[in-house]
Amino acid sequence: MSRSSTLAIFSCIVVLVFNSGGPAMAAEGDLSRKERVKVGLLVDSNATMGRIASSYINTALSDFYEAHPSYRTRLSLHFRNPQNDVVLAASA
């Protein structure tokens, strides 16, 4: 996985978090209810860069939610290894 595709994946996650409702949405409804947003990621876990990217993404999400506990939206990451067939991995 190239550095630019790792950056693109991380950027998409950040955009989803900020567009899915932060503190402004917490004023409506039940404040204790967390909304899960499922996100699929294709990461080559056989490559060193893929393993590093997976670790960094998980750490970044944990750090973000620790710093912003009032955000109701939570990303639920589903990692898939493309194993040289991106279409098959995306369909999974």
C-alpha atoms as a PDB file:
ATOM      1  CA  MET A   1       0.000   0.000   0.000  1.00  0.00           C
ATOM      2  CA  SER A   2       1.459   3.318  -1.004  1.00  0.00           C
ATOM      3  CA  ARG A   3       1.798   6.300   1.262  1.00  0.00           C
ATOM      4  CA  SER A   4      -0.725   8.308  -0.772  1.00  0.00           C
ATOM      5  CA  SER A   5      -3.419   5.614  -0.493  1.00  0.00           C
ATOM      6  CA  THR A   6      -2.862   5.383   3.273  1.00  0.00           C
ATOM      7  CA  LEU A   7      -3.261   9.137   3.521  1.00  0.00           C
ATOM      8  CA  ALA A   8      -6.411   8.971   1.371  1.00  0.00           C
ATOM      9  CA  ILE A   9      -7.973   6.325   3.623  1.00  0.00           C
ATOM     10  CA  PHE A  10      -7.172   8.288   6.756  1.00  0.00           C
ATOM     11  CA  SER A  11      -8.574  11.465   5.173  1.00  0.00           C
ATOM     12  CA  CYS A  12     -11.835   9.682   4.368  1.00  0.00           C
ATOM     13  CA  ILE A  13     -12.155   8.544   7.970  1.00  0.00           C
ATOM     14  CA  VAL A  14     -11.607  12.068   9.266  1.00  0.00           C
ATOM     15  CA  VAL A  15     -14.190  13.474   6.828  1.00  0.00           C
ATOM     16  CA  LEU A  16     -16.729  10.847   7.888  1.00  0.00           C
ATOM     17  CA  VAL A  17     -16.226  11.626  11.553  1.00  0.00           C
ATOM     18  CA  PHE A  18     -16.666  15.361  11.135  1.00  0.00           C
ATOM     19  CA  ASN A  19     -19.611  15.068   8.721  1.00  0.00           C
ATOM     20  CA  SER A  20     -21.463  12.464  10.766  1.00  0.00           C
ATOM     21  CA  GLY A  21     -22.274  14.772  13.614  1.00  0.00           C
ATOM     22  CA  GLY A  22     -20.251  16.016  16.463  1.00  0.00           C
ATOM     23  CA  PRO A  23     -21.205  18.113  19.465  1.00  0.00           C
ATOM     24  CA  ALA A  24     -23.926  19.954  17.536  1.00  0.00           C
ATOM     25  CA  MET A  25     -25.898  16.735  17.096  1.00  0.00           C
ATOM     26  CA  ALA A  26     -25.413  15.687  20.729  1.00  0.00           C
ATOM     27  CA  ALA A  27     -27.964  18.255  21.848  1.00  0.00           C
ATOM     28  CA  GLU A  28     -30.763  16.302  20.195  1.00  0.00           C
ATOM     29  CA  GLY A  29     -32.162  13.079  21.634  1.00  0.00           C
ATOM     30  CA  ASP A  30     -30.415  10.711  24.000  1.00  0.00           C
ATOM     31  CA  LEU A  31     -26.930  11.968  24.886  1.00  0.00           C
ATOM     32  CA  SER A  32     -25.642   8.581  26.022  1.00  0.00           C
ATOM     33  CA  ARG A  33     -26.496   6.780  22.767  1.00  0.00           C
ATOM     34  CA  LYS A  34     -23.551   6.225  20.429  1.00  0.00           C
ATOM     35  CA  GLU A  35     -24.200   5.814  16.723  1.00  0.00           C
ATOM     36  CA  ARG A  36     -21.937   3.348  14.877  1.00  0.00           C
ATOM     37  CA  VAL A  37     -20.868   4.002  11.298  1.00  0.00           C
ATOM     38  CA  LYS A  38     -19.398   0.980   9.541  1.00  0.00           C
ATOM     39  CA  VAL A  39     -16.335   1.701   7.399  1.00  0.00           C
ATOM     40  CA  GLY A  40     -14.540  -0.902   5.291  1.00  0.00           C
ATOM     41  CA  LEU A  41     -10.817  -0.570   4.699  1.00  0.00           C
ATOM     42  CA  LEU A  42      -8.662  -2.479   2.241  1.00  0.00           C
ATOM     43  CA  VAL A  43      -5.243  -2.824   3.831  1.00  0.00           C
ATOM     44  CA  ASP A  44      -2.494  -5.163   2.706  1.00  0.00           C
ATOM     45  CA  SER A  45      -1.686  -6.767   6.043  1.00  0.00           C
ATOM     46  CA  ASN A  46       1.132  -8.780   4.455  1.00  0.00           C
ATOM     47  CA  ALA A  47       3.104  -5.597   3.798  1.00  0.00           C
ATOM     48  CA  THR A  48       4.899  -3.685   6.521  1.00  0.00           C
ATOM     49  CA  MET A  49       3.246  -0.418   5.462  1.00  0.00           C
ATOM     50  CA  GLY A  50      -0.200  -2.022   5.684  1.00  0.00           C
ATOM     51  CA  ARG A  51       0.396  -3.251   9.234  1.00  0.00           C
ATOM     52  CA  ILE A  52       1.723   0.159  10.244  1.00  0.00           C
ATOM     53  CA  ALA A  53      -1.248   1.926   8.630  1.00  0.00           C
ATOM     54  CA  SER A  54      -3.738  -0.316  10.457  1.00  0.00           C
ATOM     55  CA  SER A  55      -2.056   0.398  13.766  1.00  0.00           C
ATOM     56  CA  TYR A  56      -1.917   4.150  13.132  1.00  0.00           C
ATOM     57  CA  ILE A  57      -5.568   4.330  12.078  1.00  0.00           C
ATOM     58  CA  ASN A  58      -6.730   2.493  15.206  1.00  0.00           C
ATOM     59  CA  THR A  59      -4.525   4.663  17.421  1.00  0.00           C
ATOM     60  CA  ALA A  60      -5.738   7.864  15.748  1.00  0.00           C
ATOM     61  CA  LEU A  61      -9.380   6.905  16.269  1.00  0.00           C
ATOM     62  CA  SER A  62      -8.790   6.023  19.910  1.00  0.00           C
ATOM     63  CA  ASP A  63      -6.972   9.301  20.516  1.00  0.00           C
ATOM     64  CA  PHE A  64      -9.671  11.298  18.717  1.00  0.00           C
ATOM     65  CA  TYR A  65     -12.544   9.801  20.713  1.00  0.00           C
ATOM     66  CA  GLU A  66     -10.608  10.214  23.966  1.00  0.00           C
ATOM     67  CA  ALA A  67     -10.117  13.903  23.198  1.00  0.00           C
ATOM     68  CA  HIS A  68     -13.748  14.348  22.020  1.00  0.00           C
ATOM     69  CA  PRO A  69     -15.947  12.192  24.284  1.00  0.00           C
ATOM     70  CA  SER A  70     -19.083  14.207  23.456  1.00  0.00           C
ATOM     71  CA  TYR A  71     -19.133  12.980  19.841  1.00  0.00           C
ATOM     72  CA  ARG A  72     -21.928  10.460  19.415  1.00  0.00           C
ATOM     73  CA  THR A  73     -20.731   8.985  16.143  1.00  0.00           C
ATOM     74  CA  ARG A  74     -18.286   6.101  16.382  1.00  0.00           C
ATOM     75  CA  LEU A  75     -16.542   4.510  13.432  1.00  0.00           C
ATOM     76  CA  SER A  76     -16.581   0.742  13.315  1.00  0.00           C
ATOM     77  CA  LEU A  77     -13.618  -0.277  11.160  1.00  0.00           C
ATOM     78  CA  HIS A  78     -13.671  -3.487   9.156  1.00  0.00           C
ATOM     79  CA  PHE A  79     -10.229  -4.280   7.755  1.00  0.00           C
ATOM     80  CA  ARG A  80      -9.917  -6.545   4.712  1.00  0.00           C
ATOM     81  CA  ASN A  81      -6.737  -7.864   3.120  1.00  0.00           C
ATOM     82  CA  PRO A  82      -7.064  -7.620  -0.689  1.00  0.00           C
ATOM     83  CA  GLN A  83      -4.654 -10.559  -1.271  1.00  0.00           C
ATOM     84  CA  ASN A  84      -3.948  -9.348  -4.840  1.00  0.00           C
ATOM     85  CA  ASP A  85      -7.697  -9.126  -5.654  1.00  0.00           C
ATOM     86  CA  VAL A  86      -9.084  -5.730  -4.655  1.00  0.00           C
ATOM     87  CA  VAL A  87     -12.526  -6.388  -6.186  1.00  0.00           C
ATOM     88  CA  LEU A  88     -13.008  -9.600  -4.208  1.00  0.00           C
ATOM     89  CA  ALA A  89     -11.875  -7.932  -0.981  1.00  0.00           C
ATOM     90  CA  ALA A  90     -14.180  -4.946  -1.558  1.00  0.00           C
ATOM     91  CA  SER A  91     -17.159  -7.226  -2.120  1.00  0.00           C
ATOM     92  CA  ALA A  92     -16.491  -8.996   1.185  1.00  0.00           C
END
